């Protein structure tokens, strides 16, 4: 478990957290995680963007190491 595992994982979680934080500050409904006693609403856009950032970061690291051509 080297850089190829940890850097994409940390970058994807950081992206998700930043997008949820921006949604909370700016009150953007499609970026907010809402929880109440009756129901929970989770915005999936930050999750998808975070996953994409993780995949792109992993491919960049592999390409830099010369594994993917």
PDB file of N, CA and C in Angstrom:
ATOM      1  N   UNK A   1       0.831  -1.179   0.000  1.00  0.00           N
ATOM      2  CA  UNK A   1       0.000   0.000   0.000  1.00  0.00           C
ATOM      3  C   UNK A   1       0.875   1.242   0.000  1.00  0.00           C
ATOM      4  N   UNK A   2       1.256   1.626  -1.198  1.00  0.00           N
ATOM      5  CA  UNK A   2       2.116   2.788  -1.325  1.00  0.00           C
ATOM      6  C   UNK A   2       1.348   4.018  -1.741  1.00  0.00           C
ATOM      7  N   UNK A   3       2.063   4.877  -2.460  1.00  0.00           N
ATOM      8  CA  UNK A   3       1.468   6.130  -2.905  1.00  0.00           C
ATOM      9  C   UNK A   3       0.298   5.898  -3.850  1.00  0.00           C
ATOM     10  N   UNK A   4       0.344   4.817  -4.614  1.00  0.00           N
ATOM     11  CA  UNK A   4      -0.703   4.546  -5.593  1.00  0.00           C
ATOM     12  C   UNK A   4      -2.042   4.296  -4.902  1.00  0.00           C
ATOM     13  N   UNK A   5      -2.031   3.910  -3.648  1.00  0.00           N
ATOM     14  CA  UNK A   5      -3.270   3.684  -2.906  1.00  0.00           C
ATOM     15  C   UNK A   5      -3.677   4.896  -2.073  1.00  0.00           C
ATOM     16  N   UNK A   6      -2.758   5.467  -1.315  1.00  0.00           N
ATOM     17  CA  UNK A   6      -3.101   6.508  -0.342  1.00  0.00           C
ATOM     18  C   UNK A   6      -3.380   7.870  -0.953  1.00  0.00           C
ATOM     19  N   UNK A   7      -2.614   8.293  -1.924  1.00  0.00           N
ATOM     20  CA  UNK A   7      -2.813   9.621  -2.496  1.00  0.00           C
ATOM     21  C   UNK A   7      -4.169   9.747  -3.188  1.00  0.00           C
ATOM     22  N   UNK A   8      -4.589   8.794  -4.039  1.00  0.00           N
ATOM     23  CA  UNK A   8      -5.937   8.909  -4.618  1.00  0.00           C
ATOM     24  C   UNK A   8      -7.049   8.828  -3.569  1.00  0.00           C
ATOM     25  N   UNK A   9      -6.877   8.012  -2.546  1.00  0.00           N
ATOM     26  CA  UNK A   9      -7.891   7.886  -1.503  1.00  0.00           C
ATOM     27  C   UNK A   9      -8.036   9.191  -0.724  1.00  0.00           C
ATOM     28  N   UNK A  10      -6.914   9.774  -0.335  1.00  0.00           N
ATOM     29  CA  UNK A  10      -6.952  11.033   0.407  1.00  0.00           C
ATOM     30  C   UNK A  10      -7.496  12.164  -0.468  1.00  0.00           C
ATOM     31  N   UNK A  11      -7.098  12.197  -1.737  1.00  0.00           N
ATOM     32  CA  UNK A  11      -7.591  13.256  -2.619  1.00  0.00           C
ATOM     33  C   UNK A  11      -9.085  13.132  -2.868  1.00  0.00           C
ATOM     34  N   UNK A  12      -9.605  11.909  -2.975  1.00  0.00           N
ATOM     35  CA  UNK A  12     -11.043  11.757  -3.190  1.00  0.00           C
ATOM     36  C   UNK A  12     -11.828  12.146  -1.941  1.00  0.00           C
ATOM     37  N   UNK A  13     -11.385  11.736  -0.754  1.00  0.00           N
ATOM     38  CA  UNK A  13     -12.076  12.130   0.479  1.00  0.00           C
ATOM     39  C   UNK A  13     -11.989  13.642   0.713  1.00  0.00           C
ATOM     40  N   UNK A  14     -10.848  14.226   0.403  1.00  0.00           N
ATOM     41  CA  UNK A  14     -10.698  15.674   0.561  1.00  0.00           C
ATOM     42  C   UNK A  14     -11.630  16.421  -0.387  1.00  0.00           C
ATOM     43  N   UNK A  15     -11.753  15.939  -1.621  1.00  0.00           N
ATOM     44  CA  UNK A  15     -12.663  16.564  -2.582  1.00  0.00           C
ATOM     45  C   UNK A  15     -14.103  16.473  -2.112  1.00  0.00           C
ATOM     46  N   UNK A  16     -14.502  15.318  -1.606  1.00  0.00           N
ATOM     47  CA  UNK A  16     -15.862  15.148  -1.097  1.00  0.00           C
ATOM     48  C   UNK A  16     -16.119  16.099   0.064  1.00  0.00           C
ATOM     49  N   UNK A  17     -15.181  16.183   1.000  1.00  0.00           N
ATOM     50  CA  UNK A  17     -15.350  17.054   2.159  1.00  0.00           C
ATOM     51  C   UNK A  17     -15.410  18.521   1.748  1.00  0.00           C
ATOM     52  N   UNK A  18     -14.565  18.931   0.818  1.00  0.00           N
ATOM     53  CA  UNK A  18     -14.562  20.323   0.372  1.00  0.00           C
ATOM     54  C   UNK A  18     -15.869  20.675  -0.325  1.00  0.00           C
ATOM     55  N   UNK A  19     -16.380  19.777  -1.170  1.00  0.00           N
ATOM     56  CA  UNK A  19     -17.637  20.065  -1.861  1.00  0.00           C
ATOM     57  C   UNK A  19     -18.814  20.126  -0.897  1.00  0.00           C
ATOM     58  N   UNK A  20     -18.855  19.217   0.096  1.00  0.00           N
ATOM     59  CA  UNK A  20     -19.914  19.296   1.102  1.00  0.00           C
ATOM     60  C   UNK A  20     -19.800  20.594   1.911  1.00  0.00           C
ATOM     61  N   UNK A  21     -18.584  21.013   2.230  1.00  0.00           N
ATOM     62  CA  UNK A  21     -18.377  22.244   2.986  1.00  0.00           C
ATOM     63  C   UNK A  21     -18.817  23.464   2.172  1.00  0.00           C
ATOM     64  N   UNK A  22     -18.479  23.495   0.895  1.00  0.00           N
ATOM     65  CA  UNK A  22     -18.916  24.591   0.025  1.00  0.00           C
ATOM     66  C   UNK A  22     -20.441  24.608  -0.071  1.00  0.00           C
ATOM     67  N   UNK A  23     -21.049  23.441  -0.188  1.00  0.00           N
ATOM     68  CA  UNK A  23     -22.502  23.369  -0.237  1.00  0.00           C
ATOM     69  C   UNK A  23     -23.153  23.847   1.041  1.00  0.00           C
ATOM     70  N   UNK A  24     -22.522  23.552   2.157  1.00  0.00           N
ATOM     71  CA  UNK A  24     -23.047  24.006   3.445  1.00  0.00           C
ATOM     72  C   UNK A  24     -22.923  25.520   3.590  1.00  0.00           C
ATOM     73  N   UNK A  25     -21.768  26.064   3.227  1.00  0.00           N
ATOM     74  CA  UNK A  25     -21.555  27.506   3.356  1.00  0.00           C
ATOM     75  C   UNK A  25     -22.445  28.319   2.415  1.00  0.00           C
ATOM     76  N   UNK A  26     -22.557  27.864   1.169  1.00  0.00           N
ATOM     77  CA  UNK A  26     -23.302  28.617   0.164  1.00  0.00           C
ATOM     78  C   UNK A  26     -24.768  28.191   0.093  1.00  0.00           C
ATOM     79  N   UNK A  27     -25.174  27.222   0.887  1.00  0.00           N
ATOM     80  CA  UNK A  27     -26.545  26.697   0.909  1.00  0.00           C
ATOM     81  C   UNK A  27     -26.981  26.227  -0.486  1.00  0.00           C
ATOM     82  N   UNK A  28     -26.147  25.399  -1.096  1.00  0.00           N
ATOM     83  CA  UNK A  28     -26.435  24.807  -2.396  1.00  0.00           C
ATOM     84  C   UNK A  28     -27.025  23.421  -2.145  1.00  0.00           C
ATOM     85  N   UNK A  29     -28.264  23.213  -2.578  1.00  0.00           N
ATOM     86  CA  UNK A  29     -28.991  21.988  -2.238  1.00  0.00           C
ATOM     87  C   UNK A  29     -28.357  20.717  -2.792  1.00  0.00           C
ATOM     88  N   UNK A  30     -27.753  20.763  -3.974  1.00  0.00           N
ATOM     89  CA  UNK A  30     -27.195  19.539  -4.541  1.00  0.00           C
ATOM     90  C   UNK A  30     -25.791  19.244  -4.023  1.00  0.00           C
ATOM     91  N   UNK A  31     -25.309  20.007  -3.040  1.00  0.00           N
ATOM     92  CA  UNK A  31     -24.016  19.746  -2.401  1.00  0.00           C
ATOM     93  C   UNK A  31     -24.136  19.602  -0.882  1.00  0.00           C
ATOM     94  N   UNK A  32     -25.344  19.444  -0.364  1.00  0.00           N
ATOM     95  CA  UNK A  32     -25.541  19.452   1.089  1.00  0.00           C
ATOM     96  C   UNK A  32     -25.902  18.054   1.596  1.00  0.00           C
ATOM     97  N   UNK A  33     -25.367  17.730   2.753  1.00  0.00           N
ATOM     98  CA  UNK A  33     -25.724  16.526   3.500  1.00  0.00           C
ATOM     99  C   UNK A  33     -26.668  16.965   4.614  1.00  0.00           C
ATOM    100  N   UNK A  34     -27.945  16.569   4.518  1.00  0.00           N
ATOM    101  CA  UNK A  34     -28.939  16.968   5.511  1.00  0.00           C
ATOM    102  C   UNK A  34     -29.365  15.751   6.322  1.00  0.00           C
ATOM    103  N   UNK A  35     -29.470  15.921   7.618  1.00  0.00           N
ATOM    104  CA  UNK A  35     -29.928  14.845   8.479  1.00  0.00           C
ATOM    105  C   UNK A  35     -30.930  15.415   9.474  1.00  0.00           C
ATOM    106  N   UNK A  36     -32.031  14.709   9.657  1.00  0.00           N
ATOM    107  CA  UNK A  36     -33.036  15.096  10.638  1.00  0.00           C
ATOM    108  C   UNK A  36     -33.629  13.824  11.236  1.00  0.00           C
ATOM    109  N   UNK A  37     -34.541  13.973  12.168  1.00  0.00           N
ATOM    110  CA  UNK A  37     -35.133  12.797  12.801  1.00  0.00           C
ATOM    111  C   UNK A  37     -35.998  11.999  11.841  1.00  0.00           C
ATOM    112  N   UNK A  38     -36.652  12.670  10.909  1.00  0.00           N
ATOM    113  CA  UNK A  38     -37.576  11.969  10.027  1.00  0.00           C
ATOM    114  C   UNK A  38     -36.902  11.386   8.784  1.00  0.00           C
ATOM    115  N   UNK A  39     -35.865  12.038   8.277  1.00  0.00           N
ATOM    116  CA  UNK A  39     -35.214  11.525   7.065  1.00  0.00           C
ATOM    117  C   UNK A  39     -33.791  12.080   6.933  1.00  0.00           C
ATOM    118  N   UNK A  40     -33.045  11.443   6.033  1.00  0.00           N
ATOM    119  CA  UNK A  40     -31.677  11.866   5.742  1.00  0.00           C
ATOM    120  C   UNK A  40     -31.550  12.077   4.245  1.00  0.00           C
ATOM    121  N   UNK A  41     -30.965  13.183   3.841  1.00  0.00           N
ATOM    122  CA  UNK A  41     -30.728  13.472   2.430  1.00  0.00           C
ATOM    123  C   UNK A  41     -29.230  13.580   2.208  1.00  0.00           C
ATOM    124  N   UNK A  42     -28.746  12.825   1.239  1.00  0.00           N
ATOM    125  CA  UNK A  42     -27.321  12.846   0.923  1.00  0.00           C
ATOM    126  C   UNK A  42     -27.171  13.266  -0.535  1.00  0.00           C
ATOM    127  N   UNK A  43     -26.414  14.297  -0.771  1.00  0.00           N
ATOM    128  CA  UNK A  43     -26.121  14.726  -2.134  1.00  0.00           C
ATOM    129  C   UNK A  43     -25.053  13.799  -2.701  1.00  0.00           C
ATOM    130  N   UNK A  44     -25.330  13.210  -3.846  1.00  0.00           N
ATOM    131  CA  UNK A  44     -24.399  12.250  -4.428  1.00  0.00           C
ATOM    132  C   UNK A  44     -23.382  12.886  -5.374  1.00  0.00           C
ATOM    133  N   UNK A  45     -23.613  14.101  -5.791  1.00  0.00           N
ATOM    134  CA  UNK A  45     -22.670  14.766  -6.694  1.00  0.00           C
ATOM    135  C   UNK A  45     -21.257  14.862  -6.109  1.00  0.00           C
ATOM    136  N   UNK A  46     -21.084  15.268  -4.843  1.00  0.00           N
ATOM    137  CA  UNK A  46     -19.717  15.290  -4.291  1.00  0.00           C
ATOM    138  C   UNK A  46     -19.069  13.906  -4.246  1.00  0.00           C
ATOM    139  N   UNK A  47     -19.863  12.876  -4.039  1.00  0.00           N
ATOM    140  CA  UNK A  47     -19.320  11.511  -4.011  1.00  0.00           C
ATOM    141  C   UNK A  47     -18.822  11.107  -5.393  1.00  0.00           C
ATOM    142  N   UNK A  48     -19.622  11.412  -6.429  1.00  0.00           N
ATOM    143  CA  UNK A  48     -19.207  11.066  -7.791  1.00  0.00           C
ATOM    144  C   UNK A  48     -17.989  11.875  -8.230  1.00  0.00           C
ATOM    145  N   UNK A  49     -17.962  13.143  -7.900  1.00  0.00           N
ATOM    146  CA  UNK A  49     -16.813  13.987  -8.258  1.00  0.00           C
ATOM    147  C   UNK A  49     -15.568  13.514  -7.506  1.00  0.00           C
ATOM    148  N   UNK A  50     -15.714  13.149  -6.229  1.00  0.00           N
ATOM    149  CA  UNK A  50     -14.584  12.636  -5.456  1.00  0.00           C
ATOM    150  C   UNK A  50     -14.047  11.332  -6.020  1.00  0.00           C
ATOM    151  N   UNK A  51     -14.946  10.451  -6.452  1.00  0.00           N
ATOM    152  CA  UNK A  51     -14.507   9.193  -7.066  1.00  0.00           C
ATOM    153  C   UNK A  51     -13.761   9.456  -8.371  1.00  0.00           C
ATOM    154  N   UNK A  52     -14.260  10.401  -9.159  1.00  0.00           N
ATOM    155  CA  UNK A  52     -13.587  10.744 -10.415  1.00  0.00           C
ATOM    156  C   UNK A  52     -12.199  11.332 -10.152  1.00  0.00           C
ATOM    157  N   UNK A  53     -12.087  12.181  -9.144  1.00  0.00           N
ATOM    158  CA  UNK A  53     -10.781  12.762  -8.792  1.00  0.00           C
ATOM    159  C   UNK A  53      -9.820  11.655  -8.350  1.00  0.00           C
ATOM    160  N   UNK A  54     -10.303  10.698  -7.580  1.00  0.00           N
ATOM    161  CA  UNK A  54      -9.460   9.588  -7.147  1.00  0.00           C
ATOM    162  C   UNK A  54      -8.969   8.746  -8.313  1.00  0.00           C
ATOM    163  N   UNK A  55      -9.866   8.460  -9.262  1.00  0.00           N
ATOM    164  CA  UNK A  55      -9.487   7.657 -10.436  1.00  0.00           C
ATOM    165  C   UNK A  55      -8.476   8.412 -11.292  1.00  0.00           C
ATOM    166  N   UNK A  56      -8.722   9.693 -11.508  1.00  0.00           N
ATOM    167  CA  UNK A  56      -7.799  10.495 -12.320  1.00  0.00           C
ATOM    168  C   UNK A  56      -6.431  10.595 -11.643  1.00  0.00           C
ATOM    169  N   UNK A  57      -6.421  10.781 -10.333  1.00  0.00           N
ATOM    170  CA  UNK A  57      -5.160  10.868  -9.599  1.00  0.00           C
ATOM    171  C   UNK A  57      -4.385   9.561  -9.679  1.00  0.00           C
ATOM    172  N   UNK A  58      -5.090   8.437  -9.556  1.00  0.00           N
ATOM    173  CA  UNK A  58      -4.428   7.138  -9.649  1.00  0.00           C
ATOM    174  C   UNK A  58      -3.813   6.921 -11.020  1.00  0.00           C
ATOM    175  N   UNK A  59      -4.537   7.285 -12.071  1.00  0.00           N
ATOM    176  CA  UNK A  59      -3.997   7.131 -13.419  1.00  0.00           C
ATOM    177  C   UNK A  59      -2.813   8.047 -13.661  1.00  0.00           C
ATOM    178  N   UNK A  60      -2.856   9.256 -13.102  1.00  0.00           N
ATOM    179  CA  UNK A  60      -1.720  10.164 -13.250  1.00  0.00           C
ATOM    180  C   UNK A  60      -0.476   9.605 -12.562  1.00  0.00           C
ATOM    181  N   UNK A  61      -0.663   9.029 -11.367  1.00  0.00           N
ATOM    182  CA  UNK A  61       0.482   8.449 -10.664  1.00  0.00           C
ATOM    183  C   UNK A  61       1.047   7.244 -11.408  1.00  0.00           C
ATOM    184  N   UNK A  62       0.170   6.404 -11.959  1.00  0.00           N
ATOM    185  CA  UNK A  62       0.640   5.237 -12.708  1.00  0.00           C
ATOM    186  C   UNK A  62       1.338   5.656 -13.995  1.00  0.00           C
ATOM    187  N   UNK A  63       0.798   6.672 -14.668  1.00  0.00           N
ATOM    188  CA  UNK A  63       1.421   7.138 -15.895  1.00  0.00           C
ATOM    189  C   UNK A  63       2.790   7.739 -15.597  1.00  0.00           C
ATOM    190  N   UNK A  64       2.894   8.466 -14.476  1.00  0.00           N
ATOM    191  CA  UNK A  64       4.178   9.059 -14.092  1.00  0.00           C
ATOM    192  C   UNK A  64       5.196   7.969 -13.776  1.00  0.00           C
ATOM    193  N   UNK A  65       4.730   6.863 -13.207  1.00  0.00           N
ATOM    194  CA  UNK A  65       5.628   5.757 -12.888  1.00  0.00           C
ATOM    195  C   UNK A  65       5.930   4.904 -14.111  1.00  0.00           C
ATOM    196  N   UNK A  66       5.190   5.114 -15.201  1.00  0.00           N
ATOM    197  CA  UNK A  66       5.451   4.371 -16.436  1.00  0.00           C
ATOM    198  C   UNK A  66       4.710   3.061 -16.543  1.00  0.00           C
ATOM    199  N   UNK A  67       3.678   2.843 -15.744  1.00  0.00           N
ATOM    200  CA  UNK A  67       2.942   1.585 -15.766  1.00  0.00           C
ATOM    201  C   UNK A  67       1.875   1.573 -16.850  1.00  0.00           C
ATOM    202  N   UNK A  68       1.222   2.702 -17.111  1.00  0.00           N
ATOM    203  CA  UNK A  68       0.163   2.784 -18.113  1.00  0.00           C
ATOM    204  C   UNK A  68       0.694   3.566 -19.296  1.00  0.00           C
ATOM    205  N   UNK A  69       0.515   3.016 -20.489  1.00  0.00           N
ATOM    206  CA  UNK A  69       1.028   3.684 -21.692  1.00  0.00           C
ATOM    207  C   UNK A  69      -0.086   4.126 -22.582  1.00  0.00           C
TER     208      UNK A  69
END
